[in-house]
Amino acid sequence: MGMLIAKDNLGFGMRSWRYGAVINDGVVEKWFEEEGYSDNCGDDPYGVSSPQNILANIDEKEPVAA
């Protein structure tokens, strides 16, 4: 996915940046990525990729290509 980052400043070490996706038959239809993607980001954002946000933005009638 190319989303691995260092979070040593928060005591996490290497981990995946927060993101979520709607995938249908192997095709990414929607992508939800937190802002600020970088190594040792000063905070750990969580909102765009939350399950509540993803579910609120699913519209089965109009899939969006990533």
N, C-alpha and C. Protein backbone atom coordinates (compact mmCIF):
# COMPACT_ATOMS: atom_id res chain seq x y z
N MET A 1 0.83 -1.20 0.00
CA MET A 1 0.00 0.00 0.00
C MET A 1 0.86 1.26 0.00
N GLY A 2 2.11 1.14 0.41
CA GLY A 2 2.97 2.31 0.42
C GLY A 2 2.64 3.30 1.52
N MET A 3 2.06 2.82 2.60
CA MET A 3 1.61 3.73 3.67
C MET A 3 2.40 3.56 4.96
N LEU A 4 3.54 2.85 4.93
CA LEU A 4 4.33 2.62 6.13
C LEU A 4 5.11 3.89 6.51
N ILE A 5 5.03 4.27 7.77
CA ILE A 5 5.72 5.46 8.27
C ILE A 5 6.35 5.16 9.62
N ALA A 6 7.29 6.00 10.01
CA ALA A 6 7.89 5.92 11.35
C ALA A 6 7.06 6.75 12.31
N LYS A 7 6.74 6.19 13.46
CA LYS A 7 6.02 6.91 14.51
C LYS A 7 6.79 6.79 15.82
N ASP A 8 8.13 6.80 15.72
CA ASP A 8 8.98 6.68 16.90
C ASP A 8 8.72 7.79 17.92
N ASN A 9 8.37 8.97 17.43
CA ASN A 9 8.13 10.09 18.33
C ASN A 9 6.94 9.87 19.26
N LEU A 10 6.04 8.98 18.89
CA LEU A 10 4.87 8.67 19.72
C LEU A 10 4.98 7.28 20.35
N GLY A 11 6.15 6.65 20.18
CA GLY A 11 6.38 5.35 20.80
C GLY A 11 5.81 4.16 20.03
N PHE A 12 5.42 4.36 18.76
CA PHE A 12 4.82 3.28 17.98
C PHE A 12 5.83 2.53 17.12
N GLY A 13 6.96 3.14 16.77
CA GLY A 13 7.87 2.54 15.81
C GLY A 13 7.29 2.64 14.41
N MET A 14 7.55 1.65 13.57
CA MET A 14 7.00 1.65 12.21
C MET A 14 5.56 1.16 12.26
N ARG A 15 4.69 1.83 11.52
CA ARG A 15 3.29 1.43 11.44
C ARG A 15 2.67 2.01 10.18
N SER A 16 1.48 1.60 9.90
CA SER A 16 0.78 2.10 8.73
C SER A 16 0.12 3.43 9.08
N TRP A 17 0.17 4.37 8.11
CA TRP A 17 -0.60 5.61 8.27
C TRP A 17 -2.08 5.24 8.25
N ARG A 18 -2.91 6.06 8.89
CA ARG A 18 -4.34 5.73 8.96
C ARG A 18 -5.02 6.01 7.61
N TYR A 19 -5.72 5.01 7.14
CA TYR A 19 -6.50 5.14 5.91
C TYR A 19 -7.59 4.08 5.93
N GLY A 20 -8.55 4.24 5.08
CA GLY A 20 -9.60 3.25 4.88
C GLY A 20 -9.97 3.24 3.42
N ALA A 21 -10.57 2.17 2.97
CA ALA A 21 -10.95 2.07 1.57
C ALA A 21 -12.21 1.24 1.42
N VAL A 22 -12.95 1.54 0.36
CA VAL A 22 -14.07 0.71 -0.06
C VAL A 22 -13.57 -0.03 -1.29
N ILE A 23 -13.49 -1.36 -1.19
CA ILE A 23 -12.95 -2.17 -2.28
C ILE A 23 -14.02 -3.15 -2.73
N ASN A 24 -14.26 -3.19 -4.03
CA ASN A 24 -15.28 -4.06 -4.60
C ASN A 24 -14.63 -4.91 -5.69
N ASP A 25 -14.61 -6.22 -5.49
CA ASP A 25 -14.00 -7.14 -6.46
C ASP A 25 -12.57 -6.73 -6.82
N GLY A 26 -11.80 -6.31 -5.81
CA GLY A 26 -10.41 -5.94 -6.02
C GLY A 26 -10.19 -4.54 -6.57
N VAL A 27 -11.25 -3.77 -6.75
CA VAL A 27 -11.15 -2.42 -7.28
C VAL A 27 -11.42 -1.43 -6.15
N VAL A 28 -10.48 -0.50 -5.93
CA VAL A 28 -10.67 0.53 -4.91
C VAL A 28 -11.67 1.54 -5.45
N GLU A 29 -12.83 1.60 -4.81
CA GLU A 29 -13.88 2.53 -5.25
C GLU A 29 -13.82 3.85 -4.51
N LYS A 30 -13.43 3.83 -3.25
CA LYS A 30 -13.30 5.06 -2.47
C LYS A 30 -12.09 4.92 -1.54
N TRP A 31 -11.41 6.04 -1.32
CA TRP A 31 -10.20 6.06 -0.50
C TRP A 31 -10.34 7.16 0.54
N PHE A 32 -10.02 6.83 1.79
CA PHE A 32 -10.14 7.77 2.90
C PHE A 32 -8.80 7.81 3.63
N GLU A 33 -8.03 8.87 3.44
CA GLU A 33 -6.69 8.97 4.02
C GLU A 33 -6.61 10.20 4.92
N GLU A 34 -6.07 10.00 6.11
CA GLU A 34 -5.88 11.12 7.02
C GLU A 34 -4.84 12.09 6.46
N GLU A 35 -5.02 13.37 6.71
CA GLU A 35 -4.06 14.38 6.28
C GLU A 35 -2.80 14.31 7.13
N GLY A 36 -1.71 14.81 6.58
CA GLY A 36 -0.47 14.91 7.33
C GLY A 36 0.47 13.74 7.18
N TYR A 37 0.27 12.89 6.17
CA TYR A 37 1.10 11.71 5.96
C TYR A 37 2.57 12.09 5.96
N SER A 38 3.30 11.65 6.98
CA SER A 38 4.74 11.88 7.07
C SER A 38 5.32 11.09 8.23
N ASP A 39 6.61 10.82 8.15
CA ASP A 39 7.29 10.17 9.27
C ASP A 39 7.27 11.10 10.47
N ASN A 40 7.07 10.52 11.65
CA ASN A 40 7.11 11.23 12.92
C ASN A 40 6.23 12.48 12.94
N CYS A 41 5.05 12.36 12.36
CA CYS A 41 4.06 13.43 12.40
C CYS A 41 3.78 13.78 13.86
N GLY A 42 3.58 15.03 14.15
CA GLY A 42 3.40 15.49 15.52
C GLY A 42 2.16 14.96 16.22
N ASP A 43 1.18 14.52 15.45
CA ASP A 43 -0.03 13.97 16.07
C ASP A 43 -0.41 12.67 15.38
N ASP A 44 -1.52 12.11 15.76
CA ASP A 44 -1.99 10.85 15.19
C ASP A 44 -3.45 11.03 14.79
N PRO A 45 -3.70 11.71 13.65
CA PRO A 45 -5.07 12.08 13.28
C PRO A 45 -5.97 10.87 13.05
N TYR A 46 -7.23 11.04 13.41
CA TYR A 46 -8.22 9.98 13.22
C TYR A 46 -9.58 10.63 13.06
N GLY A 47 -10.13 10.56 11.89
CA GLY A 47 -11.45 11.13 11.60
C GLY A 47 -11.90 10.75 10.21
N VAL A 48 -11.10 11.10 9.21
CA VAL A 48 -11.42 10.79 7.82
C VAL A 48 -11.54 9.29 7.61
N SER A 49 -10.64 8.52 8.27
CA SER A 49 -10.63 7.07 8.08
C SER A 49 -11.46 6.31 9.11
N SER A 50 -12.22 7.02 9.91
CA SER A 50 -13.04 6.35 10.93
C SER A 50 -14.17 5.57 10.27
N PRO A 51 -14.58 4.46 10.86
CA PRO A 51 -15.69 3.69 10.29
C PRO A 51 -16.95 4.53 10.12
N GLN A 52 -17.21 5.41 11.07
CA GLN A 52 -18.40 6.26 10.98
C GLN A 52 -18.37 7.15 9.74
N ASN A 53 -17.19 7.74 9.45
CA ASN A 53 -17.07 8.59 8.27
C ASN A 53 -17.17 7.79 6.99
N ILE A 54 -16.53 6.64 6.95
CA ILE A 54 -16.59 5.81 5.75
C ILE A 54 -18.03 5.38 5.47
N LEU A 55 -18.72 4.89 6.49
CA LEU A 55 -20.11 4.46 6.29
C LEU A 55 -21.01 5.62 5.86
N ALA A 56 -20.76 6.81 6.40
CA ALA A 56 -21.56 7.97 6.03
C ALA A 56 -21.33 8.40 4.58
N ASN A 57 -20.19 8.00 4.01
CA ASN A 57 -19.84 8.42 2.65
C ASN A 57 -20.01 7.33 1.60
N ILE A 58 -20.54 6.21 1.97
CA ILE A 58 -20.77 5.14 0.99
C ILE A 58 -22.08 5.44 0.24
N ASP A 59 -21.97 5.50 -1.07
CA ASP A 59 -23.14 5.69 -1.91
C ASP A 59 -23.06 4.62 -3.00
N GLU A 60 -23.80 3.55 -2.83
CA GLU A 60 -23.71 2.41 -3.75
C GLU A 60 -24.12 2.75 -5.17
N LYS A 61 -24.85 3.84 -5.36
CA LYS A 61 -25.33 4.19 -6.70
C LYS A 61 -24.22 4.82 -7.55
N GLU A 62 -23.27 5.51 -6.92
CA GLU A 62 -22.25 6.22 -7.67
C GLU A 62 -20.86 5.93 -7.11
N PRO A 63 -20.29 4.74 -7.41
CA PRO A 63 -18.94 4.45 -6.93
C PRO A 63 -17.92 5.43 -7.52
N VAL A 64 -16.93 5.79 -6.72
CA VAL A 64 -15.90 6.73 -7.13
C VAL A 64 -14.58 5.98 -7.23
N ALA A 65 -13.94 6.08 -8.39
CA ALA A 65 -12.64 5.43 -8.57
C ALA A 65 -11.58 6.18 -7.78
N ALA A 66 -10.63 5.44 -7.24
CA ALA A 66 -9.55 6.05 -6.44
C ALA A 66 -8.53 6.71 -7.34
